[in-house]
Every structure is written in structure tokens, then in C-alpha cells.
N, C-alpha and C. Protein backbone atom coordinates (compact mmCIF):
# COMPACT_ATOMS: atom_id res chain seq x y z
N LEU A 1 -13.75 17.17 -20.71
CA LEU A 1 -13.09 16.23 -21.37
C LEU A 1 -14.03 15.21 -21.80
N ASN A 2 -13.74 14.45 -22.84
CA ASN A 2 -14.85 13.22 -23.24
C ASN A 2 -14.05 12.08 -23.93
N TYR A 3 -13.78 11.32 -23.22
CA TYR A 3 -13.48 9.97 -24.25
C TYR A 3 -14.19 9.58 -25.42
N ARG A 4 -15.33 9.77 -25.30
CA ARG A 4 -16.21 9.49 -26.50
C ARG A 4 -16.07 10.44 -27.75
N GLY A 5 -15.68 11.62 -27.42
CA GLY A 5 -15.25 12.55 -28.36
C GLY A 5 -13.96 12.52 -29.26
N ASP A 6 -13.46 13.60 -29.68
CA ASP A 6 -12.00 13.62 -30.16
C ASP A 6 -10.84 13.88 -29.10
N ASP A 7 -11.17 13.89 -27.85
CA ASP A 7 -10.16 14.03 -26.73
C ASP A 7 -9.20 13.08 -26.86
N ARG A 8 -7.76 13.33 -26.43
CA ARG A 8 -6.82 12.33 -26.44
C ARG A 8 -6.03 12.34 -25.09
N ILE A 9 -5.30 11.31 -24.71
CA ILE A 9 -4.48 11.47 -23.70
C ILE A 9 -3.23 12.08 -23.96
N ILE A 10 -2.64 12.89 -23.13
CA ILE A 10 -1.61 13.60 -23.41
C ILE A 10 -0.45 13.46 -22.09
N GLU A 11 -0.79 12.90 -21.10
CA GLU A 11 -0.01 12.44 -19.96
C GLU A 11 -0.16 10.97 -19.35
N ILE A 12 0.58 10.35 -19.05
CA ILE A 12 0.18 9.11 -18.37
C ILE A 12 1.05 8.99 -17.11
N GLY A 13 0.47 8.85 -15.89
CA GLY A 13 1.24 8.82 -14.57
C GLY A 13 0.78 7.63 -13.73
N CYS A 14 1.70 6.83 -13.31
CA CYS A 14 1.64 5.66 -12.48
C CYS A 14 2.08 5.72 -11.16
N VAL A 15 1.73 5.22 -10.27
CA VAL A 15 2.63 4.73 -8.78
C VAL A 15 2.50 3.46 -8.46
N GLU A 16 3.38 2.92 -8.03
CA GLU A 16 3.23 1.26 -7.73
C GLU A 16 2.86 1.23 -6.31
N VAL A 17 1.93 0.42 -5.76
CA VAL A 17 1.45 0.31 -4.81
C VAL A 17 1.61 -1.29 -4.10
N ILE A 18 2.09 -1.18 -2.91
CA ILE A 18 2.65 -2.73 -2.53
C ILE A 18 1.69 -2.71 -0.88
N ASN A 19 0.97 -3.61 -0.63
CA ASN A 19 0.46 -3.57 0.44
C ASN A 19 -0.24 -2.44 1.09
N HIS A 20 -0.81 -1.94 0.08
CA HIS A 20 -1.81 -0.45 0.42
C HIS A 20 -0.80 0.78 0.45
N VAL A 21 0.65 0.48 0.31
CA VAL A 21 1.36 1.62 0.28
C VAL A 21 2.24 1.99 -0.79
N ALA A 22 2.33 3.21 -1.20
CA ALA A 22 3.03 3.35 -2.59
C ALA A 22 4.56 3.67 -2.21
N THR A 23 5.22 2.94 -3.40
CA THR A 23 6.68 2.73 -3.21
C THR A 23 7.35 4.21 -4.12
N ASN A 24 8.58 4.02 -4.16
CA ASN A 24 9.40 4.86 -5.13
C ASN A 24 9.36 4.81 -6.53
N ASN A 25 8.70 3.56 -7.10
CA ASN A 25 8.56 3.16 -8.32
C ASN A 25 7.37 3.81 -8.98
N THR A 26 7.58 4.63 -10.03
CA THR A 26 6.57 5.71 -10.85
C THR A 26 6.81 5.37 -12.13
N LEU A 27 5.75 5.70 -13.00
CA LEU A 27 5.89 5.79 -14.62
C LEU A 27 5.36 7.14 -14.81
N GLN A 28 6.09 7.82 -15.50
CA GLN A 28 5.48 9.26 -16.21
C GLN A 28 5.76 9.54 -17.86
N PHE A 29 4.91 9.64 -18.64
CA PHE A 29 5.34 10.05 -20.13
C PHE A 29 4.20 10.91 -20.62
N TYR A 30 4.59 11.98 -21.38
CA TYR A 30 3.60 12.82 -22.07
C TYR A 30 3.46 12.14 -23.79
N CYS A 31 2.15 12.41 -24.27
CA CYS A 31 1.94 11.80 -25.50
C CYS A 31 1.83 13.03 -26.70
N ARG A 32 2.12 13.17 -27.60
CA ARG A 32 1.91 13.95 -28.67
C ARG A 32 0.73 13.37 -29.31
N ALA A 33 -0.35 14.02 -29.47
CA ALA A 33 -1.52 13.83 -30.00
C ALA A 33 -1.78 14.00 -31.69
N ASP A 34 -2.70 13.47 -32.37
CA ASP A 34 -2.76 13.94 -33.91
C ASP A 34 -3.72 15.24 -33.83
N LYS A 35 -3.96 15.88 -32.48
CA LYS A 35 -4.83 17.00 -32.63
C LYS A 35 -4.18 17.90 -31.63
N GLU A 36 -4.73 19.06 -31.57
CA GLU A 36 -4.42 20.11 -30.71
C GLU A 36 -5.01 20.03 -29.39
N VAL A 37 -4.31 20.28 -28.23
CA VAL A 37 -4.96 20.31 -26.92
C VAL A 37 -5.91 21.65 -26.77
N SER A 38 -6.96 21.54 -26.48
CA SER A 38 -8.08 22.43 -26.31
C SER A 38 -7.61 23.30 -25.20
N PRO A 39 -8.03 24.75 -25.23
CA PRO A 39 -7.66 25.83 -24.37
C PRO A 39 -8.05 25.08 -22.70
N GLU A 40 -9.35 24.52 -22.57
CA GLU A 40 -9.74 24.15 -21.44
C GLU A 40 -8.72 23.26 -20.84
N ALA A 41 -8.23 21.98 -21.78
CA ALA A 41 -7.20 21.01 -21.32
C ALA A 41 -6.07 21.68 -20.82
N GLN A 42 -5.57 22.59 -21.59
CA GLN A 42 -4.26 23.31 -21.23
C GLN A 42 -4.46 23.97 -19.88
N LYS A 43 -5.56 24.63 -19.70
CA LYS A 43 -5.96 25.36 -18.67
C LYS A 43 -5.63 24.41 -17.12
N VAL A 44 -6.31 23.25 -17.45
CA VAL A 44 -6.60 22.15 -16.28
C VAL A 44 -5.25 21.57 -16.14
N SER A 45 -4.53 21.24 -17.27
CA SER A 45 -3.23 20.47 -16.99
C SER A 45 -1.98 21.29 -17.04
N GLY A 46 -1.87 22.51 -17.56
CA GLY A 46 -0.82 23.12 -17.80
C GLY A 46 0.05 22.96 -18.83
N ILE A 47 -0.52 21.89 -19.76
CA ILE A 47 0.43 21.36 -20.95
C ILE A 47 -0.08 22.11 -22.10
N SER A 48 0.76 22.50 -22.93
CA SER A 48 0.52 23.43 -24.05
C SER A 48 1.06 22.62 -25.33
N ASN A 49 0.63 22.95 -26.35
CA ASN A 49 0.76 22.38 -27.78
C ASN A 49 2.19 22.50 -27.98
N GLU A 50 2.83 23.39 -27.48
CA GLU A 50 4.26 23.58 -27.92
C GLU A 50 4.94 22.77 -26.91
N PHE A 51 4.77 22.32 -25.78
CA PHE A 51 5.24 21.61 -24.99
C PHE A 51 5.28 20.15 -25.44
N LEU A 52 4.42 19.69 -26.27
CA LEU A 52 4.07 18.34 -26.80
C LEU A 52 4.76 18.04 -28.09
N LYS A 53 4.85 19.21 -28.62
CA LYS A 53 5.81 19.12 -30.16
C LYS A 53 6.73 17.99 -30.32
N ASP A 54 7.75 17.71 -29.35
CA ASP A 54 8.79 16.90 -29.61
C ASP A 54 8.23 15.70 -28.98
N LYS A 55 7.31 15.41 -28.38
CA LYS A 55 7.15 14.27 -27.46
C LYS A 55 6.54 12.94 -28.34
N LYS A 56 6.54 11.87 -27.72
CA LYS A 56 6.45 10.72 -28.84
C LYS A 56 4.78 10.38 -28.73
N THR A 57 4.25 9.77 -29.72
CA THR A 57 3.01 9.42 -29.45
C THR A 57 2.74 8.30 -28.64
N PHE A 58 1.34 8.14 -28.09
CA PHE A 58 1.09 7.00 -27.11
C PHE A 58 1.60 5.53 -27.58
N SER A 59 1.33 5.62 -29.24
CA SER A 59 1.74 4.44 -29.78
C SER A 59 3.01 3.82 -29.64
N GLU A 60 4.11 4.92 -29.80
CA GLU A 60 5.49 4.52 -29.35
C GLU A 60 5.72 4.51 -27.87
N GLN A 61 5.10 4.83 -27.24
CA GLN A 61 5.21 4.58 -25.69
C GLN A 61 4.37 3.65 -24.73
N HIS A 62 3.60 3.04 -25.60
CA HIS A 62 2.42 2.20 -24.70
C HIS A 62 3.19 1.08 -24.22
N LEU A 63 4.26 0.53 -24.68
CA LEU A 63 4.86 -0.70 -24.03
C LEU A 63 5.36 -0.42 -22.76
N MET A 64 5.86 0.90 -22.64
CA MET A 64 6.21 0.86 -21.27
C MET A 64 4.93 1.08 -20.09
N LEU A 65 3.70 1.36 -20.69
CA LEU A 65 2.76 1.08 -19.61
C LEU A 65 2.30 -0.24 -19.41
N PHE A 66 2.48 -1.04 -20.57
CA PHE A 66 2.18 -2.57 -20.18
C PHE A 66 3.35 -3.06 -19.36
N ASP A 67 4.54 -2.72 -19.60
CA ASP A 67 5.67 -3.44 -18.45
C ASP A 67 5.48 -2.90 -17.30
N PHE A 68 4.75 -1.75 -17.06
CA PHE A 68 4.46 -1.11 -15.60
C PHE A 68 3.60 -1.84 -15.09
N ILE A 69 2.28 -2.08 -15.63
CA ILE A 69 0.99 -2.44 -15.01
C ILE A 69 0.95 -3.91 -15.02
N LYS A 70 1.78 -4.57 -16.06
CA LYS A 70 1.51 -6.08 -16.22
C LYS A 70 0.08 -6.57 -15.88
N ASP A 71 -0.17 -7.41 -15.17
CA ASP A 71 -1.27 -7.97 -15.03
C ASP A 71 -1.94 -7.66 -13.55
N ASP A 72 -1.27 -6.56 -13.13
CA ASP A 72 -1.65 -6.29 -11.69
C ASP A 72 -2.75 -5.47 -11.67
N PRO A 73 -3.52 -5.35 -10.66
CA PRO A 73 -4.82 -4.69 -10.24
C PRO A 73 -4.52 -3.11 -10.46
N LEU A 74 -5.60 -2.37 -10.91
CA LEU A 74 -5.22 -0.96 -11.14
C LEU A 74 -6.02 -0.18 -10.05
N ILE A 75 -5.56 0.63 -9.41
CA ILE A 75 -6.19 1.86 -8.52
C ILE A 75 -6.61 2.85 -9.48
N ILE A 76 -7.93 3.08 -9.69
CA ILE A 76 -8.09 4.26 -10.39
C ILE A 76 -9.26 5.13 -9.81
N HIS A 77 -9.24 6.58 -9.74
CA HIS A 77 -10.27 7.25 -9.38
C HIS A 77 -11.33 7.64 -10.60
N ASN A 78 -12.54 7.09 -10.41
CA ASN A 78 -13.47 7.32 -11.50
C ASN A 78 -12.89 6.82 -12.42
N ALA A 79 -12.94 5.18 -12.40
CA ALA A 79 -12.33 4.47 -13.36
C ALA A 79 -13.05 4.40 -14.75
N GLU A 80 -14.28 4.76 -15.04
CA GLU A 80 -14.94 4.92 -16.05
C GLU A 80 -14.22 5.71 -17.26
N PHE A 81 -14.08 6.83 -16.39
CA PHE A 81 -13.27 8.04 -17.42
C PHE A 81 -11.99 7.70 -17.59
N ASP A 82 -10.99 7.10 -16.80
CA ASP A 82 -9.75 6.85 -17.08
C ASP A 82 -9.57 5.75 -18.18
N LEU A 83 -10.29 4.77 -17.81
CA LEU A 83 -10.35 3.52 -18.89
C LEU A 83 -10.88 3.66 -20.01
N GLY A 84 -11.91 4.71 -20.05
CA GLY A 84 -12.51 5.18 -21.45
C GLY A 84 -11.30 5.68 -22.30
N PHE A 85 -10.56 6.44 -21.66
CA PHE A 85 -9.43 7.03 -22.71
C PHE A 85 -8.39 6.03 -22.74
N LEU A 86 -8.04 5.44 -21.81
CA LEU A 86 -6.78 4.21 -22.38
C LEU A 86 -7.13 3.45 -23.29
N ASN A 87 -8.25 2.64 -23.02
CA ASN A 87 -9.19 1.65 -23.97
C ASN A 87 -9.34 2.30 -25.40
N LYS A 88 -9.41 3.85 -25.48
CA LYS A 88 -9.70 4.36 -26.82
C LYS A 88 -8.29 4.64 -27.36
N GLU A 89 -7.32 4.82 -26.91
CA GLU A 89 -6.00 4.66 -27.30
C GLU A 89 -5.45 3.42 -27.67
N LEU A 90 -5.80 2.32 -26.85
CA LEU A 90 -5.37 1.07 -27.24
C LEU A 90 -6.11 0.83 -28.59
N ASN A 91 -7.37 0.87 -28.68
CA ASN A 91 -8.28 0.50 -30.03
C ASN A 91 -7.52 1.25 -30.95
N ILE A 92 -7.39 2.55 -30.96
CA ILE A 92 -6.74 3.54 -32.03
C ILE A 92 -5.43 2.63 -32.87
N ILE A 93 -4.77 1.89 -31.78
CA ILE A 93 -3.44 1.25 -32.12
C ILE A 93 -3.53 -0.13 -32.50
N GLY A 94 -4.91 -0.65 -32.41
CA GLY A 94 -5.11 -1.92 -32.74
C GLY A 94 -4.72 -2.82 -31.64
N LYS A 95 -4.74 -2.63 -30.40
CA LYS A 95 -4.67 -3.33 -29.19
C LYS A 95 -5.96 -3.41 -28.23
N ALA A 96 -6.13 -4.74 -27.75
CA ALA A 96 -7.26 -5.11 -26.93
C ALA A 96 -7.30 -4.16 -25.68
N PRO A 97 -8.64 -3.97 -25.27
CA PRO A 97 -8.67 -3.21 -23.81
C PRO A 97 -8.01 -3.87 -22.72
N LEU A 98 -7.76 -3.03 -21.72
CA LEU A 98 -7.14 -3.64 -20.65
C LEU A 98 -8.13 -4.82 -19.89
N LYS A 99 -7.41 -5.81 -19.49
CA LYS A 99 -8.35 -6.87 -18.65
C LYS A 99 -7.80 -6.90 -17.17
N ASN A 100 -7.03 -5.78 -16.57
CA ASN A 100 -6.65 -5.91 -15.39
C ASN A 100 -7.94 -5.62 -14.45
N LYS A 101 -7.67 -6.29 -13.10
CA LYS A 101 -8.74 -6.04 -12.15
C LYS A 101 -8.79 -4.59 -11.81
N ILE A 102 -9.89 -3.97 -11.71
CA ILE A 102 -9.74 -2.33 -11.24
C ILE A 102 -10.41 -2.27 -10.06
N ILE A 103 -9.92 -1.39 -9.08
CA ILE A 103 -10.16 -0.89 -7.73
C ILE A 103 -10.47 0.65 -8.15
N ASP A 104 -11.88 1.01 -7.99
CA ASP A 104 -12.26 2.02 -8.33
C ASP A 104 -12.42 2.81 -6.72
N THR A 105 -11.36 3.92 -6.55
CA THR A 105 -11.62 4.64 -5.27
C THR A 105 -12.81 5.36 -5.22
N LEU A 106 -13.44 5.82 -6.34
CA LEU A 106 -14.23 6.66 -6.08
C LEU A 106 -15.54 5.91 -5.52
N LEU A 107 -15.84 4.83 -5.90
CA LEU A 107 -16.79 3.70 -5.41
C LEU A 107 -16.26 3.44 -4.17
N LEU A 108 -15.16 3.12 -3.76
CA LEU A 108 -14.57 2.73 -2.60
C LEU A 108 -14.94 4.00 -1.35
N ALA A 109 -14.55 5.02 -1.72
CA ALA A 109 -14.80 6.09 -0.95
C ALA A 109 -16.18 6.69 -0.79
N ARG A 110 -16.93 6.42 -1.55
CA ARG A 110 -18.47 6.68 -1.32
C ARG A 110 -18.92 5.49 -0.44
N LYS A 111 -18.51 4.13 -0.41
CA LYS A 111 -18.75 3.02 0.38
C LYS A 111 -18.25 3.11 1.66
N VAL A 112 -17.01 3.42 1.96
CA VAL A 112 -16.51 3.62 3.37
C VAL A 112 -16.97 4.79 4.07
N LEU A 113 -16.82 5.95 3.29
CA LEU A 113 -17.31 7.48 4.06
C LEU A 113 -18.89 7.44 3.86
N ASN A 114 -19.48 6.99 3.30
CA ASN A 114 -20.94 7.06 3.07
C ASN A 114 -21.18 8.72 2.67
N THR A 115 -20.85 8.60 1.57
CA THR A 115 -20.62 10.37 1.02
C THR A 115 -20.92 10.24 -0.49
N ARG A 116 -21.62 10.96 -1.13
CA ARG A 116 -21.57 11.34 -2.61
C ARG A 116 -20.72 11.96 -3.12
N ILE A 117 -20.00 12.97 -2.09
CA ILE A 117 -19.02 13.82 -2.51
C ILE A 117 -17.59 13.38 -2.47
N ALA A 118 -17.26 12.92 -3.58
CA ALA A 118 -15.89 11.92 -3.18
C ALA A 118 -14.63 12.21 -4.41
N ASN A 119 -14.53 13.57 -4.85
CA ASN A 119 -13.60 13.67 -5.87
C ASN A 119 -12.39 13.91 -4.91
N LEU A 120 -11.02 13.91 -5.76
CA LEU A 120 -10.02 13.88 -5.10
C LEU A 120 -9.31 14.95 -4.29
N ASP A 121 -9.78 15.99 -4.43
CA ASP A 121 -9.68 17.01 -3.76
C ASP A 121 -10.30 17.20 -2.29
N TYR A 122 -11.77 16.70 -2.54
CA TYR A 122 -12.47 16.57 -1.22
C TYR A 122 -11.80 15.47 -0.34
N LEU A 123 -11.29 14.33 -0.92
CA LEU A 123 -10.69 13.34 -0.14
C LEU A 123 -9.47 13.57 0.32
N CYS A 124 -8.63 14.25 -0.28
CA CYS A 124 -7.20 14.74 0.17
C CYS A 124 -7.56 15.70 1.76
N ARG A 125 -8.53 16.62 1.32
CA ARG A 125 -8.81 17.37 2.46
C ARG A 125 -9.32 16.64 3.92
N ARG A 126 -10.24 15.82 3.25
CA ARG A 126 -10.67 14.90 4.39
C ARG A 126 -9.66 14.06 5.27
N PHE A 127 -8.73 13.84 4.46
CA PHE A 127 -7.71 12.84 5.28
C PHE A 127 -6.39 13.95 5.29
N ASN A 128 -6.53 15.07 5.53
CA ASN A 128 -5.43 15.92 5.64
C ASN A 128 -4.09 15.81 4.99
N ILE A 129 -4.35 15.23 3.83
CA ILE A 129 -3.50 15.13 2.75
C ILE A 129 -3.09 16.44 2.02
N ASP A 130 -1.79 16.89 2.14
CA ASP A 130 -1.09 18.05 1.65
C ASP A 130 -1.27 17.99 0.07
N LEU A 131 -2.09 19.23 -0.27
CA LEU A 131 -2.39 19.51 -1.58
C LEU A 131 -1.74 20.82 -2.27
N THR A 132 -0.69 21.39 -1.48
CA THR A 132 -0.18 22.74 -1.59
C THR A 132 0.48 22.35 -3.37
N LYS A 133 0.97 21.24 -3.51
CA LYS A 133 1.56 21.17 -4.72
C LYS A 133 0.63 20.92 -5.97
N ARG A 134 -0.39 20.58 -5.69
CA ARG A 134 -1.71 20.58 -6.69
C ARG A 134 -2.19 21.69 -7.31
N LYS A 135 -1.23 22.67 -8.04
CA LYS A 135 -1.67 23.77 -8.47
C LYS A 135 -2.56 23.50 -10.02
N LEU A 136 -2.03 22.53 -10.55
CA LEU A 136 -2.67 21.74 -11.67
C LEU A 136 -2.86 20.37 -11.57
N HIS A 137 -3.63 19.70 -12.81
CA HIS A 137 -3.84 18.46 -12.55
C HIS A 137 -2.87 17.83 -13.49
N GLY A 138 -1.72 17.42 -12.75
CA GLY A 138 -0.81 16.33 -13.67
C GLY A 138 -1.04 15.10 -13.09
N ALA A 139 -0.81 14.21 -13.96
CA ALA A 139 -1.03 12.63 -14.24
C ALA A 139 -0.45 12.07 -12.71
N LEU A 140 1.04 12.35 -12.75
CA LEU A 140 1.73 11.57 -11.68
C LEU A 140 1.24 12.17 -10.31
N LEU A 141 1.46 13.50 -10.35
CA LEU A 141 1.20 13.82 -9.04
C LEU A 141 -0.44 13.49 -8.46
N ASP A 142 -1.26 13.51 -9.42
CA ASP A 142 -2.75 13.05 -9.05
C ASP A 142 -2.41 11.58 -8.59
N ALA A 143 -1.74 10.50 -9.20
CA ALA A 143 -1.50 9.22 -8.93
C ALA A 143 -0.88 8.92 -7.74
N GLN A 144 -0.15 9.99 -7.05
CA GLN A 144 0.48 9.96 -5.69
C GLN A 144 -0.37 10.36 -4.87
N LEU A 145 -1.09 11.44 -5.10
CA LEU A 145 -2.03 11.83 -4.10
C LEU A 145 -3.23 10.69 -3.84
N LEU A 146 -3.61 10.03 -5.07
CA LEU A 146 -4.46 8.69 -5.05
C LEU A 146 -4.09 7.61 -4.26
N ALA A 147 -2.77 7.58 -4.29
CA ALA A 147 -2.23 6.52 -3.49
C ALA A 147 -2.15 6.74 -1.78
N GLU A 148 -2.00 7.89 -1.62
CA GLU A 148 -2.27 8.10 -0.15
C GLU A 148 -3.61 8.14 0.38
N VAL A 149 -4.54 8.60 -0.50
CA VAL A 149 -6.03 8.43 -0.34
C VAL A 149 -6.53 6.85 -0.11
N TYR A 150 -5.85 5.96 -0.89
CA TYR A 150 -6.41 4.70 -1.12
C TYR A 150 -5.69 4.28 0.43
N LEU A 151 -4.63 4.53 0.76
CA LEU A 151 -4.05 3.95 2.11
C LEU A 151 -5.03 4.26 3.10
N GLU A 152 -5.63 5.59 3.02
CA GLU A 152 -6.45 5.95 4.22
C GLU A 152 -7.55 5.37 4.02
N LEU A 153 -8.17 4.90 2.83
CA LEU A 153 -9.57 4.28 2.78
C LEU A 153 -9.50 2.65 3.29
N LYS A 154 -8.25 2.41 3.19
CA LYS A 154 -7.78 0.83 3.54
C LYS A 154 -7.36 0.74 4.97
N GLY A 155 -7.63 1.91 5.80
CA GLY A 155 -7.40 1.71 7.08
C GLY A 155 -6.44 2.85 7.65
N GLY A 156 -5.81 3.37 6.58
CA GLY A 156 -4.62 4.56 7.01
C GLY A 156 -3.20 3.96 7.51
N LYS A 157 -2.57 4.91 8.31
CA LYS A 157 -1.27 4.81 8.73
C LYS A 157 -1.44 3.70 10.01
N GLN A 158 -2.55 3.54 10.27
CA GLN A 158 -2.84 2.76 11.52
C GLN A 158 -2.23 1.07 11.22
N ILE A 159 -2.64 0.78 9.75
CA ILE A 159 -2.13 -0.51 9.22
C ILE A 159 -0.56 -0.77 9.70
N THR A 160 0.22 0.29 9.49
CA THR A 160 1.66 0.30 9.81
C THR A 160 1.91 0.40 11.39
N MET A 161 1.29 1.20 12.03
CA MET A 161 1.32 1.13 13.47
C MET A 161 0.97 -0.26 14.00
N ASP A 162 -0.09 -0.83 13.49
CA ASP A 162 -0.47 -2.52 13.72
C ASP A 162 0.60 -3.40 13.84
N LEU A 163 1.25 -3.06 12.24
CA LEU A 163 2.23 -4.30 12.18
C LEU A 163 3.32 -3.93 12.80
N THR A 164 3.66 -2.59 13.27
CA THR A 164 5.21 -2.25 13.94
C THR A 164 4.76 -2.95 15.22
N THR A 165 3.34 -2.81 15.95
CA THR A 165 3.19 -3.09 17.26
C THR A 165 3.38 -4.69 17.54
N LYS A 166 2.69 -5.33 16.47
CA LYS A 166 2.96 -6.91 16.50
C LYS A 166 4.32 -7.30 16.43
N GLU A 167 5.08 -6.71 15.76
CA GLU A 167 6.63 -6.99 15.45
C GLU A 167 7.08 -6.84 16.93
N ASN A 168 6.98 -5.72 17.51
CA ASN A 168 7.49 -5.57 18.81
C ASN A 168 7.15 -6.22 19.75
N LYS A 169 5.77 -6.51 19.82
CA LYS A 169 5.36 -7.63 20.97
C LYS A 169 6.13 -8.89 20.71
N HIS A 170 6.41 -9.40 19.19
CA HIS A 170 6.98 -10.53 19.18
C HIS A 170 8.50 -10.31 19.37
N GLN A 171 9.22 -9.21 19.43
CA GLN A 171 10.54 -9.17 19.80
C GLN A 171 10.60 -9.04 21.35
N ILE A 172 9.59 -8.56 22.09
CA ILE A 172 9.82 -8.71 23.29
C ILE A 172 9.46 -10.14 23.87
N PHE A 173 8.59 -11.08 22.93
CA PHE A 173 8.35 -12.22 23.48
C PHE A 173 9.64 -12.89 23.45
N LYS A 174 10.05 -12.97 22.26
CA LYS A 174 11.61 -13.73 22.21
C LYS A 174 12.73 -13.40 23.19
N LYS A 175 12.63 -11.91 23.43
CA LYS A 175 13.67 -11.41 24.56
C LYS A 175 13.43 -12.01 25.78
N ASN A 176 12.36 -12.29 26.13
CA ASN A 176 11.63 -13.06 27.45
C ASN A 176 12.10 -14.40 27.65
N ILE A 177 11.91 -15.04 26.44
CA ILE A 177 11.97 -16.47 26.42
C ILE A 177 13.91 -16.65 26.41
N THR A 178 14.65 -15.87 25.98
CA THR A 178 15.97 -15.81 25.87
C THR A 178 16.45 -15.35 27.54
N LEU A 179 15.71 -14.66 28.12
CA LEU A 179 16.11 -14.17 29.42
C LEU A 179 15.96 -15.55 30.41
N ASN A 180 14.54 -16.14 30.16
CA ASN A 180 14.41 -17.08 31.15
C ASN A 180 15.23 -18.40 30.93
N LYS A 181 15.72 -18.59 29.54
CA LYS A 181 16.67 -19.73 29.24
C LYS A 181 17.91 -19.58 29.98
N ASN A 182 18.42 -18.25 30.10
CA ASN A 182 19.83 -18.03 30.69
C ASN A 182 19.78 -17.94 32.16
N LYS A 183 18.38 -17.85 32.59
CA LYS A 183 18.21 -17.69 34.24
C LYS A 183 18.55 -18.94 34.88
N THR A 184 19.24 -19.03 36.05
CA THR A 184 19.70 -20.31 36.77
C THR A 184 19.09 -20.07 38.07
N THR A 185 18.07 -20.73 38.40
CA THR A 185 17.43 -20.80 39.73
C THR A 185 18.02 -21.89 40.81
N LYS A 186 18.41 -21.24 42.04
CA LYS A 186 18.97 -21.81 42.98
C LYS A 186 18.05 -22.25 44.02
N LEU A 187 18.25 -23.58 44.50
CA LEU A 187 17.17 -24.15 45.35
C LEU A 187 17.92 -24.48 46.83
N THR A 188 17.43 -23.94 47.93
CA THR A 188 17.99 -24.18 49.24
C THR A 188 17.28 -25.12 50.04
N THR A 189 17.72 -25.75 51.18
CA THR A 189 17.06 -26.52 52.04
C THR A 189 17.32 -26.29 53.37
N THR A 190 16.46 -26.11 54.26
CA THR A 190 16.97 -26.04 55.79
C THR A 190 16.96 -27.39 56.55
N GLU A 191 17.58 -27.43 57.78
CA GLU A 191 17.79 -28.60 58.76
C GLU A 191 16.41 -29.32 58.64
N GLU A 192 15.41 -28.25 58.92
CA GLU A 192 14.15 -28.79 59.27
C GLU A 192 13.60 -29.81 58.13
N ASP A 193 14.03 -29.26 56.80
CA ASP A 193 13.75 -29.97 55.74
C ASP A 193 14.30 -31.31 55.47
N VAL A 194 15.36 -31.52 55.78
CA VAL A 194 16.32 -32.48 55.94
C VAL A 194 15.78 -33.59 56.89
N ALA A 195 15.46 -33.04 58.28
CA ALA A 195 14.81 -34.02 59.19
C ALA A 195 13.66 -34.59 59.07
N SER A 196 12.74 -33.79 58.34
CA SER A 196 11.48 -34.47 57.85
C SER A 196 11.67 -35.38 56.81
N HIS A 197 12.68 -35.11 55.70
CA HIS A 197 12.83 -36.20 54.92
C HIS A 197 13.25 -37.38 55.37
N LYS A 198 14.26 -37.34 56.49
CA LYS A 198 14.91 -38.70 57.01
C LYS A 198 13.96 -39.28 57.57
N LEU A 199 12.68 -38.78 58.43
CA LEU A 199 11.65 -39.54 58.82
C LEU A 199 10.98 -40.25 57.83
N MET A 200 10.74 -39.48 56.66
CA MET A 200 9.72 -40.02 55.63
C MET A 200 10.56 -41.19 55.34
N VAL A 201 11.78 -41.02 55.13
CA VAL A 201 12.56 -42.36 54.35
C VAL A 201 12.43 -43.42 55.31
N ARG A 202 12.61 -43.43 56.65
CA ARG A 202 12.66 -44.40 57.60
C ARG A 202 11.39 -45.26 57.41
N GLY A 203 10.50 -44.90 56.88
CA GLY A 203 9.02 -45.65 56.76
C GLY A 203 9.21 -46.32 55.26
N ILE A 204 10.31 -46.34 54.66
CA ILE A 204 10.24 -47.09 53.38
C ILE A 204 11.04 -48.19 53.44
N LYS A 205 10.70 -49.56 53.17
CA LYS A 205 11.55 -50.59 53.13
C LYS A 205 12.71 -50.36 52.24
N GLU A 206 13.78 -50.67 52.75
CA GLU A 206 15.14 -50.58 51.74
C GLU A 206 15.45 -49.68 51.03
N ALA A 207 14.93 -48.31 51.51
CA ALA A 207 15.01 -46.95 50.37
C ALA A 207 16.41 -46.95 50.18
N LEU A 208 16.66 -46.42 49.16
CA LEU A 208 17.94 -46.13 48.54
C LEU A 208 18.61 -45.01 49.12
N TRP A 209 17.62 -43.98 49.76
CA TRP A 209 18.29 -42.87 50.56
C TRP A 209 19.14 -43.17 51.72
N ASN A 210 18.81 -44.56 52.13
CA ASN A 210 19.53 -45.07 53.38
C ASN A 210 21.01 -45.22 53.31
N LYS A 211 21.42 -45.45 51.98
CA LYS A 211 22.70 -45.72 51.65
C LYS A 211 23.48 -44.44 51.63
N TYR A 212 22.82 -43.24 51.65
CA TYR A 212 23.57 -42.01 51.67
C TYR A 212 23.68 -41.28 52.89
N ASN A 213 24.73 -40.62 53.34
CA ASN A 213 24.85 -40.07 54.55
C ASN A 213 24.72 -38.53 54.28
N TYR A 214 23.59 -38.02 54.63
CA TYR A 214 23.25 -36.45 54.30
C TYR A 214 22.58 -35.96 55.80
């Protein structure tokens, strides 16, 4: 596939990510293009010309994409490829290229893992992310897998564990404060303590303690 040629977008898939973790908020739609899907693209995606026959065009659906991504950063694997196709479609309908900040997980993975091999399949296997559902290259499924990869590249589930640990420590600290506030300490004195105190008081002129019988 080549965005510089006559290939077109036939599926959009997006997943919302907040604090490095994917939410249940997703976007997916298929696009009917003004050309037939190549046999190669059909084999990779499983999307046929027959399937796309009654689908809307990108032009008719692009506002859903704008509404979903707004001006938020976009996490894309091999950003040059995907952005090339997106901006090509936008150019066709007379829209400006996307201006969102881009986080390219291909470059991030190479930096974090110090590896040249960084395709999505490799990264999923490296992080033990389940690939059994990925029989074909669906846009939404790929986005969901990429969200998991991105979490791992940013520190993995340890992020969640660290937050939980800090929260638990805070709760324990608050509990200890409550226990200490409610605890009553009882002080006792012995006859020896009283005698010692009386002896000390005798040495003080006009001591207030002399007014009390104790």
C-alpha cells in the first residue's frame, strides 16, 4: 500500500487513551472509495469491494473523526504511513492536513527497547499481548493492540500498581491518624512521685502547690 499512489482509506479505527490507559471509548467506520480494493489489500484486511458497496465515503464521515480526535495528541504506529493516507483523504475533500501532536510508537519503541525491529506483531509478542484475535489487519483491533503496546512502552502495568500502592499508603496513614486521635493515654503516679514533688515544692517560696492537699 502506498499513499503516494492511488490507494485509499477503507477503514478508520481509533481508541481513546487517558493517562496511558485505553478507555472503552472507540471510533470505527468503513469508507467506500472511488476505486476497487486491490486483491492485496483485501487479503490483508479481509474487506471486500462487495462489503464496501453500501458504505459512506470518507468525505461523508470525516466529521466523526474530527469530533473524536479534536486537538488531542495522536498515538500512531509508523506515523508517516497513516498520516500520509489521512492527509491525502483530507486533501481530496479540500481540508487542511492534521495539526495534532503525533506520538509515533514505532520511533518510541526503537528508543525504549533499543531495537530496529518494532512492528506491531513483534511488540505484542515481546510484551505478551494476546494476538489470537488478529487474524487480519483491522483498524480498530490494531488500535486496541497499539494502546496496550503504548502502555507497556510508558512503563506498563507498573504505573497502575504504583498508583494503587501510593493510594493504599495514604489510606493507611489516614487510618493511623484517626486511631491516634481517638486513643486516650492514662498517666499514673506513685507515692514516691508525690513525696518527691512535695519535697521540691517546699523549696519554692509561696508556691501555689502549698494551697492544695495532695
